[in-house]
């Protein structure tokens, strides 16, 4: 999973999303990742299972995937400087939702259209005014 995310991160640096809105950039970034995983659903399923069912012996690897996912979302958000605590919280929620949407799609419980709507909806947290903003 880490290798797949590194490849995505590199590709995104070469060809970043063209939209200006940070929420839309994050959504486009995550949907690119989803489409990449969609091309190899058996590999995607194996990677998700490894992340979900890894025991404490693989904490470092799971943390590395989480950190890389965070870096990808923060890059897509743009901006400079250190992200605020609220932004980091939004990034975590976006990551959790993206992961959940991927699991739902892999298990046949969600369509690609529903995944897209869910990802686009959660990405509004990136710039939305919610708890902890200000």
C-alpha atoms as a PDB file:
ATOM      1  CA  UNK A   1       0.000   0.000   0.000  1.00  0.00           C
ATOM      2  CA  UNK A   2       2.859   2.337   0.857  1.00  0.00           C
ATOM      3  CA  UNK A   3       4.480   1.683  -2.526  1.00  0.00           C
ATOM      4  CA  UNK A   4       1.209   2.382  -4.326  1.00  0.00           C
ATOM      5  CA  UNK A   5       0.760   5.636  -2.411  1.00  0.00           C
ATOM      6  CA  UNK A   6       4.343   6.693  -3.129  1.00  0.00           C
ATOM      7  CA  UNK A   7       3.727   6.169  -6.843  1.00  0.00           C
ATOM      8  CA  UNK A   8       0.548   8.235  -6.584  1.00  0.00           C
ATOM      9  CA  UNK A   9       2.335  10.973  -4.659  1.00  0.00           C
ATOM     10  CA  UNK A  10       5.037  11.159  -7.328  1.00  0.00           C
ATOM     11  CA  UNK A  11       2.440  11.242 -10.121  1.00  0.00           C
ATOM     12  CA  UNK A  12       0.534  14.004  -8.349  1.00  0.00           C
ATOM     13  CA  UNK A  13       3.684  16.110  -8.095  1.00  0.00           C
ATOM     14  CA  UNK A  14       4.197  15.707 -11.840  1.00  0.00           C
ATOM     15  CA  UNK A  15       0.528  16.294 -12.732  1.00  0.00           C
ATOM     16  CA  UNK A  16      -1.297  18.021  -9.862  1.00  0.00           C
ATOM     17  CA  UNK A  17      -5.058  18.532  -9.989  1.00  0.00           C
ATOM     18  CA  UNK A  18      -5.890  21.606 -12.061  1.00  0.00           C
ATOM     19  CA  UNK A  19      -8.831  22.889 -10.009  1.00  0.00           C
ATOM     20  CA  UNK A  20      -8.289  25.868  -7.721  1.00  0.00           C
ATOM     21  CA  UNK A  21     -10.622  25.003  -4.837  1.00  0.00           C
ATOM     22  CA  UNK A  22      -8.741  23.049  -2.124  1.00  0.00           C
ATOM     23  CA  UNK A  23     -11.743  20.792  -1.408  1.00  0.00           C
ATOM     24  CA  UNK A  24     -12.093  19.901  -5.081  1.00  0.00           C
ATOM     25  CA  UNK A  25      -8.328  19.294  -5.383  1.00  0.00           C
ATOM     26  CA  UNK A  26      -8.424  16.872  -2.460  1.00  0.00           C
ATOM     27  CA  UNK A  27     -11.489  15.097  -3.878  1.00  0.00           C
ATOM     28  CA  UNK A  28      -9.846  14.799  -7.299  1.00  0.00           C
ATOM     29  CA  UNK A  29      -6.658  13.487  -5.706  1.00  0.00           C
ATOM     30  CA  UNK A  30      -8.479  10.820  -3.709  1.00  0.00           C
ATOM     31  CA  UNK A  31     -10.567   9.786  -6.698  1.00  0.00           C
ATOM     32  CA  UNK A  32      -7.363   9.390  -8.739  1.00  0.00           C
ATOM     33  CA  UNK A  33      -6.090   7.080  -6.031  1.00  0.00           C
ATOM     34  CA  UNK A  34      -9.397   5.227  -6.052  1.00  0.00           C
ATOM     35  CA  UNK A  35      -9.307   4.800  -9.842  1.00  0.00           C
ATOM     36  CA  UNK A  36      -5.769   3.465  -9.578  1.00  0.00           C
ATOM     37  CA  UNK A  37      -6.917   0.886  -7.021  1.00  0.00           C
ATOM     38  CA  UNK A  38     -10.005   0.149  -9.113  1.00  0.00           C
ATOM     39  CA  UNK A  39      -7.820  -1.083 -11.968  1.00  0.00           C
ATOM     40  CA  UNK A  40      -6.542  -3.891  -9.737  1.00  0.00           C
ATOM     41  CA  UNK A  41      -9.351  -4.722  -7.315  1.00  0.00           C
ATOM     42  CA  UNK A  42      -7.736  -7.925  -6.039  1.00  0.00           C
ATOM     43  CA  UNK A  43      -4.560  -6.033  -5.149  1.00  0.00           C
ATOM     44  CA  UNK A  44      -6.645  -3.255  -3.576  1.00  0.00           C
ATOM     45  CA  UNK A  45      -8.553  -5.822  -1.533  1.00  0.00           C
ATOM     46  CA  UNK A  46      -5.318  -7.442  -0.340  1.00  0.00           C
ATOM     47  CA  UNK A  47      -3.829  -4.080   0.648  1.00  0.00           C
ATOM     48  CA  UNK A  48      -6.937  -3.004   2.538  1.00  0.00           C
ATOM     49  CA  UNK A  49      -7.091  -6.337   4.353  1.00  0.00           C
ATOM     50  CA  UNK A  50      -3.432  -6.020   5.321  1.00  0.00           C
ATOM     51  CA  UNK A  51      -4.071  -2.554   6.743  1.00  0.00           C
ATOM     52  CA  UNK A  52      -7.263  -3.559   8.526  1.00  0.00           C
ATOM     53  CA  UNK A  53      -6.086  -6.793  10.049  1.00  0.00           C
ATOM     54  CA  UNK A  54      -2.428  -6.142  10.754  1.00  0.00           C
ATOM     55  CA  UNK A  55      -1.453  -6.750  14.346  1.00  0.00           C
ATOM     56  CA  UNK A  56       0.907  -4.685  16.491  1.00  0.00           C
ATOM     57  CA  UNK A  57       3.920  -6.122  14.688  1.00  0.00           C
ATOM     58  CA  UNK A  58       3.077  -3.970  11.640  1.00  0.00           C
ATOM     59  CA  UNK A  59       2.224  -0.732  13.448  1.00  0.00           C
ATOM     60  CA  UNK A  60       5.178   1.058  11.865  1.00  0.00           C
ATOM     61  CA  UNK A  61       4.038   0.092   8.357  1.00  0.00           C
ATOM     62  CA  UNK A  62       0.431   1.104   9.023  1.00  0.00           C
ATOM     63  CA  UNK A  63       1.635   4.415  10.493  1.00  0.00           C
ATOM     64  CA  UNK A  64       3.801   5.016   7.416  1.00  0.00           C
ATOM     65  CA  UNK A  65       0.775   4.528   5.138  1.00  0.00           C
ATOM     66  CA  UNK A  66      -1.257   6.904   7.299  1.00  0.00           C
ATOM     67  CA  UNK A  67       1.494   9.538   7.253  1.00  0.00           C
ATOM     68  CA  UNK A  68       1.848   9.289   3.477  1.00  0.00           C
ATOM     69  CA  UNK A  69      -1.918   9.575   3.017  1.00  0.00           C
ATOM     70  CA  UNK A  70      -1.865  12.693   5.204  1.00  0.00           C
ATOM     71  CA  UNK A  71       0.994  14.158   3.157  1.00  0.00           C
ATOM     72  CA  UNK A  72      -0.885  13.514  -0.096  1.00  0.00           C
ATOM     73  CA  UNK A  73      -4.028  15.237   1.213  1.00  0.00           C
ATOM     74  CA  UNK A  74      -2.061  18.180   2.641  1.00  0.00           C
ATOM     75  CA  UNK A  75      -0.243  18.605  -0.686  1.00  0.00           C
ATOM     76  CA  UNK A  76      -3.573  18.567  -2.501  1.00  0.00           C
ATOM     77  CA  UNK A  77      -4.932  21.202  -0.121  1.00  0.00           C
ATOM     78  CA  UNK A  78      -2.120  23.547  -1.069  1.00  0.00           C
ATOM     79  CA  UNK A  79      -1.225  26.438   1.116  1.00  0.00           C
ATOM     80  CA  UNK A  80       1.965  26.993   2.965  1.00  0.00           C
ATOM     81  CA  UNK A  81       3.095  26.656   6.497  1.00  0.00           C
ATOM     82  CA  UNK A  82       2.039  24.300   9.199  1.00  0.00           C
ATOM     83  CA  UNK A  83      -1.556  23.048   9.025  1.00  0.00           C
ATOM     84  CA  UNK A  84      -3.814  24.046  11.893  1.00  0.00           C
ATOM     85  CA  UNK A  85      -5.114  21.447  14.368  1.00  0.00           C
ATOM     86  CA  UNK A  86      -8.542  21.747  12.716  1.00  0.00           C
ATOM     87  CA  UNK A  87      -7.056  21.108   9.273  1.00  0.00           C
ATOM     88  CA  UNK A  88      -5.214  18.045  10.573  1.00  0.00           C
ATOM     89  CA  UNK A  89      -8.447  16.797  12.111  1.00  0.00           C
ATOM     90  CA  UNK A  90     -10.270  17.343   8.805  1.00  0.00           C
ATOM     91  CA  UNK A  91      -7.495  15.466   6.981  1.00  0.00           C
ATOM     92  CA  UNK A  92      -7.883  12.516   9.363  1.00  0.00           C
ATOM     93  CA  UNK A  93     -11.663  12.452   8.857  1.00  0.00           C
ATOM     94  CA  UNK A  94     -11.216  12.669   5.079  1.00  0.00           C
ATOM     95  CA  UNK A  95      -8.731   9.782   5.206  1.00  0.00           C
ATOM     96  CA  UNK A  96     -11.050   7.670   7.353  1.00  0.00           C
ATOM     97  CA  UNK A  97     -13.972   8.308   5.028  1.00  0.00           C
ATOM     98  CA  UNK A  98     -11.925   7.540   1.922  1.00  0.00           C
ATOM     99  CA  UNK A  99     -10.763   4.271   3.484  1.00  0.00           C
ATOM    100  CA  UNK A 100     -14.308   3.366   4.508  1.00  0.00           C
ATOM    101  CA  UNK A 101     -15.619   4.178   1.018  1.00  0.00           C
ATOM    102  CA  UNK A 102     -12.927   1.964  -0.486  1.00  0.00           C
ATOM    103  CA  UNK A 103     -13.870  -0.906   1.828  1.00  0.00           C
ATOM    104  CA  UNK A 104     -17.564  -0.450   0.978  1.00  0.00           C
ATOM    105  CA  UNK A 105     -16.809  -0.515  -2.750  1.00  0.00           C
ATOM    106  CA  UNK A 106     -14.555  -3.569  -2.450  1.00  0.00           C
ATOM    107  CA  UNK A 107     -17.258  -5.448  -0.556  1.00  0.00           C
ATOM    108  CA  UNK A 108     -19.900  -4.517  -3.147  1.00  0.00           C
ATOM    109  CA  UNK A 109     -21.900  -2.325  -0.760  1.00  0.00           C
ATOM    110  CA  UNK A 110     -21.201   0.963  -2.572  1.00  0.00           C
ATOM    111  CA  UNK A 111     -21.130   1.926  -6.203  1.00  0.00           C
ATOM    112  CA  UNK A 112     -18.394   4.043  -7.730  1.00  0.00           C
ATOM    113  CA  UNK A 113     -20.935   6.862  -7.993  1.00  0.00           C
ATOM    114  CA  UNK A 114     -21.646   6.641  -4.260  1.00  0.00           C
ATOM    115  CA  UNK A 115     -17.931   6.590  -3.433  1.00  0.00           C
ATOM    116  CA  UNK A 116     -17.496   9.737  -5.516  1.00  0.00           C
ATOM    117  CA  UNK A 117     -20.347  11.535  -3.739  1.00  0.00           C
ATOM    118  CA  UNK A 118     -19.054  10.494  -0.313  1.00  0.00           C
ATOM    119  CA  UNK A 119     -15.495  11.601  -1.089  1.00  0.00           C
ATOM    120  CA  UNK A 120     -16.625  14.921  -2.537  1.00  0.00           C
ATOM    121  CA  UNK A 121     -18.884  15.514   0.470  1.00  0.00           C
ATOM    122  CA  UNK A 122     -16.252  14.808   3.104  1.00  0.00           C
ATOM    123  CA  UNK A 123     -13.687  16.929   1.293  1.00  0.00           C
ATOM    124  CA  UNK A 124     -15.819  19.990   2.005  1.00  0.00           C
ATOM    125  CA  UNK A 125     -14.445  19.719   5.544  1.00  0.00           C
ATOM    126  CA  UNK A 126     -11.132  20.942   4.185  1.00  0.00           C
ATOM    127  CA  UNK A 127     -12.413  24.509   3.816  1.00  0.00           C
ATOM    128  CA  UNK A 128     -15.746  24.321   5.644  1.00  0.00           C
ATOM    129  CA  UNK A 129     -16.602  26.153   8.819  1.00  0.00           C
ATOM    130  CA  UNK A 130     -17.168  23.520  11.401  1.00  0.00           C
ATOM    131  CA  UNK A 131     -16.329  22.824  15.022  1.00  0.00           C
ATOM    132  CA  UNK A 132     -12.874  24.033  15.930  1.00  0.00           C
ATOM    133  CA  UNK A 133     -12.579  26.498  13.052  1.00  0.00           C
ATOM    134  CA  UNK A 134     -11.716  30.105  13.724  1.00  0.00           C
END
